[in-house]
Amino acid sequence: MSRGHCILSHGFESGPDATKVTALAEAAERLGWTTERPDYTDLDARVEVSRVGDVPARLQRLVDLATAAVSRGGPVVLGGSSLGAYVSAIASLQVPTRALFLMVPPLGMGPMPALDAAPVPLSVVHAWHDELIPAAGVIEWARTRSARLLLLDDGHRLAAHVDATARAFAELLESLPR
């Protein structure tokens, strides 16, 4: 029997087979969770909407998938990288979410609301040398939510720390009551 369902959202200019979300899915599945990695590449290609594609449509796709997962029963955990982290956090305000795992989350997304999240167990992984999203703002955002925070000697893609990121996700899942 599954412990619950994880929906893992890739970043902009990435895809559902991206290295980080694939590593998270593998970690979750080893612990008895089912996983889903939505494909947002069609929405990200809509650069006429914004420089990062159609963010409202991306959010709606995630909300729809999470709502369907909740209706099937069992807890839902949302996680993502960059734009995927942003939509995961915002979706948690709209759909019952058991926990959140955010990698290099942007604090704002143009005209969209500022980054916010449901008051659920929260882990944030960020890079000291993130060239797109300065660490200081993310540290403060995480502090105000008493989130677990892992800061890595890396850049925005966290390419040198995929295994550490997957371990942090596994720790979050293991901390949740059965």
Protein backbone atom coordinates (compact mmCIF):
# COMPACT_ATOMS: atom_id res chain seq x y z
CA MET A 1 0.00 0.00 0.00
CA SER A 2 1.28 3.46 -0.91
CA ARG A 3 2.22 5.94 1.81
CA GLY A 4 0.89 8.74 -0.39
CA HIS A 5 1.51 10.52 -3.66
CA CYS A 6 4.25 12.98 -4.63
CA ILE A 7 3.81 15.41 -7.52
CA LEU A 8 7.20 16.73 -8.62
CA SER A 9 7.31 19.77 -10.91
CA HIS A 10 10.27 20.57 -13.14
CA GLY A 11 11.71 24.02 -13.66
CA PHE A 12 11.49 26.29 -16.68
CA GLU A 13 13.46 25.11 -19.73
CA SER A 14 13.47 21.62 -18.26
CA GLY A 15 11.13 18.64 -18.42
CA PRO A 16 9.59 15.77 -16.47
CA ASP A 17 12.69 13.62 -17.01
CA ALA A 18 15.00 16.26 -15.55
CA THR A 19 17.77 14.98 -13.31
CA LYS A 20 16.54 16.49 -10.02
CA VAL A 21 12.85 15.56 -10.23
CA THR A 22 13.84 12.08 -11.44
CA ALA A 23 16.13 11.66 -8.41
CA LEU A 24 13.34 12.84 -6.09
CA ALA A 25 10.87 10.41 -7.67
CA GLU A 26 13.30 7.52 -7.22
CA ALA A 27 13.86 8.46 -3.56
CA ALA A 28 10.11 8.66 -2.91
CA GLU A 29 9.36 5.38 -4.65
CA ARG A 30 12.02 3.59 -2.57
CA LEU A 31 10.09 4.78 0.51
CA GLY A 32 6.73 3.49 -0.74
CA TRP A 33 5.27 6.67 -2.26
CA THR A 34 3.77 6.90 -5.74
CA THR A 35 5.04 9.73 -7.90
CA GLU A 36 3.98 11.86 -10.80
CA ARG A 37 6.06 14.29 -12.84
CA PRO A 38 3.83 16.59 -14.89
CA ASP A 39 5.06 17.85 -18.23
CA TYR A 40 4.81 21.64 -18.49
CA THR A 41 6.99 22.06 -21.59
CA ASP A 42 4.02 23.06 -23.75
CA LEU A 43 3.15 25.85 -21.30
CA ASP A 44 6.77 26.94 -20.86
CA ALA A 45 7.01 27.40 -24.63
CA ARG A 46 4.35 30.12 -24.47
CA VAL A 47 6.87 32.93 -24.12
CA GLU A 48 4.35 35.34 -25.62
CA VAL A 49 2.57 35.13 -22.22
CA SER A 50 5.72 35.90 -20.19
CA ARG A 51 9.45 35.24 -20.38
CA VAL A 52 8.85 32.05 -18.36
CA GLY A 53 5.82 30.83 -20.27
CA ASP A 54 2.27 30.55 -19.04
CA VAL A 55 2.68 30.47 -15.26
CA PRO A 56 -1.07 30.68 -14.44
CA ALA A 57 -1.78 27.71 -16.73
CA ARG A 58 1.13 25.79 -15.15
CA LEU A 59 -0.31 26.47 -11.69
CA GLN A 60 -3.79 25.38 -12.82
CA ARG A 61 -2.43 22.14 -14.31
CA LEU A 62 -0.74 21.33 -10.99
CA VAL A 63 -3.83 22.23 -8.94
CA ASP A 64 -5.96 19.96 -11.16
CA LEU A 65 -3.51 17.05 -10.80
CA ALA A 66 -3.20 17.53 -7.04
CA THR A 67 -6.97 17.79 -6.61
CA ALA A 68 -7.40 14.52 -8.50
CA ALA A 69 -4.71 12.86 -6.36
CA VAL A 70 -6.36 14.07 -3.14
CA SER A 71 -9.73 12.73 -4.32
CA ARG A 72 -8.14 9.28 -4.73
CA GLY A 73 -7.20 9.37 -1.04
CA GLY A 74 -3.95 9.49 0.83
CA PRO A 75 -1.64 12.40 1.46
CA VAL A 76 -0.17 14.48 -1.34
CA VAL A 77 3.32 15.97 -1.18
CA LEU A 78 4.26 18.69 -3.66
CA GLY A 79 7.80 19.42 -4.72
CA GLY A 80 9.61 21.19 -7.46
CA SER A 81 12.59 23.09 -8.73
CA SER A 82 12.63 26.83 -9.46
CA LEU A 83 9.39 27.64 -11.32
CA GLY A 84 8.21 24.15 -10.30
CA ALA A 85 8.89 25.06 -6.66
CA TYR A 86 6.96 28.31 -7.07
CA VAL A 87 3.83 26.63 -8.47
CA SER A 88 4.07 23.85 -5.88
CA ALA A 89 4.09 26.35 -3.03
CA ILE A 90 1.22 28.41 -4.44
CA ALA A 91 -0.79 25.23 -5.21
CA SER A 92 -0.41 24.17 -1.57
CA LEU A 93 -2.65 27.11 -0.66
CA GLN A 94 -5.41 25.69 -2.88
CA VAL A 95 -5.19 21.91 -2.41
CA PRO A 96 -4.74 19.88 0.81
CA THR A 97 -1.00 19.23 0.90
CA ARG A 98 0.85 17.06 3.43
CA ALA A 99 4.30 18.59 2.88
CA LEU A 100 6.33 20.75 0.50
CA PHE A 101 9.82 20.36 -0.93
CA LEU A 102 11.12 23.46 -2.70
CA MET A 103 14.42 23.65 -4.59
CA VAL A 104 15.74 27.12 -5.48
CA PRO A 105 12.31 28.76 -5.19
CA PRO A 106 11.78 32.19 -6.75
CA LEU A 107 10.26 34.65 -4.28
CA GLY A 108 8.26 36.36 -7.00
CA MET A 109 7.06 35.58 -10.49
CA GLY A 110 6.19 38.83 -12.27
CA PRO A 111 2.51 39.70 -11.83
CA MET A 112 1.80 36.47 -9.93
CA PRO A 113 1.49 36.56 -6.12
CA ALA A 114 4.66 36.59 -4.03
CA LEU A 115 5.86 33.14 -2.95
CA ASP A 116 3.65 31.77 -0.18
CA ALA A 117 2.88 28.30 1.11
CA ALA A 118 0.46 26.39 3.28
CA PRO A 119 1.58 25.86 6.89
CA VAL A 120 2.76 22.28 6.33
CA PRO A 121 6.11 20.56 6.86
CA LEU A 122 8.46 22.40 4.52
CA SER A 123 11.98 21.74 3.27
CA VAL A 124 13.88 24.22 1.14
CA VAL A 125 17.11 23.51 -0.73
CA HIS A 126 18.93 26.53 -2.10
CA ALA A 127 22.34 27.38 -3.56
CA TRP A 128 24.73 29.87 -2.02
CA HIS A 129 25.79 30.94 -5.50
CA ASP A 130 22.40 30.91 -7.24
CA GLU A 131 22.84 33.31 -10.15
CA LEU A 132 19.07 33.85 -10.56
CA ILE A 133 17.64 33.88 -7.03
CA PRO A 134 19.82 35.37 -4.27
CA ALA A 135 20.14 33.13 -1.25
CA ALA A 136 19.51 35.87 1.33
CA GLY A 137 15.86 36.36 0.41
CA VAL A 138 15.17 32.62 0.38
CA ILE A 139 16.88 32.21 3.76
CA GLU A 140 14.62 34.88 5.25
CA TRP A 141 11.51 33.40 3.59
CA ALA A 142 12.36 29.94 4.98
CA ARG A 143 13.15 31.39 8.44
CA THR A 144 9.73 33.01 8.77
CA ARG A 145 8.17 29.57 8.14
CA SER A 146 10.55 27.59 10.38
CA ALA A 147 11.40 25.47 7.34
CA ARG A 148 14.18 22.94 7.10
CA LEU A 149 16.80 24.70 5.00
CA LEU A 150 19.74 23.15 3.20
CA LEU A 151 22.18 25.61 1.62
CA LEU A 152 24.64 24.14 -0.86
CA ASP A 153 27.86 25.34 -2.49
CA ASP A 154 26.31 25.31 -5.94
CA GLY A 155 24.47 27.39 -8.56
CA HIS A 156 20.82 27.58 -9.57
CA ARG A 157 20.71 24.14 -11.21
CA LEU A 158 22.08 22.38 -8.08
CA ALA A 159 23.86 20.11 -10.58
CA ALA A 160 26.66 19.16 -8.19
CA HIS A 161 24.23 18.17 -5.42
CA VAL A 162 21.53 15.99 -6.95
CA ASP A 163 22.19 13.17 -4.45
CA ALA A 164 22.16 15.55 -1.45
CA THR A 165 18.90 17.02 -2.69
CA ALA A 166 17.32 13.56 -3.05
CA ARG A 167 18.48 12.67 0.47
CA ALA A 168 16.89 15.85 1.83
CA PHE A 169 13.62 14.92 0.11
CA ALA A 170 13.78 11.40 1.56
CA GLU A 171 14.34 12.90 5.04
CA LEU A 172 11.23 15.05 4.65
CA LEU A 173 9.14 12.06 3.58
CA GLU A 174 10.51 9.90 6.40
CA SER A 175 9.61 12.61 8.94
CA LEU A 176 5.93 12.48 8.03
CA PRO A 177 3.69 10.34 10.26
CA ARG A 178 2.42 7.16 8.67
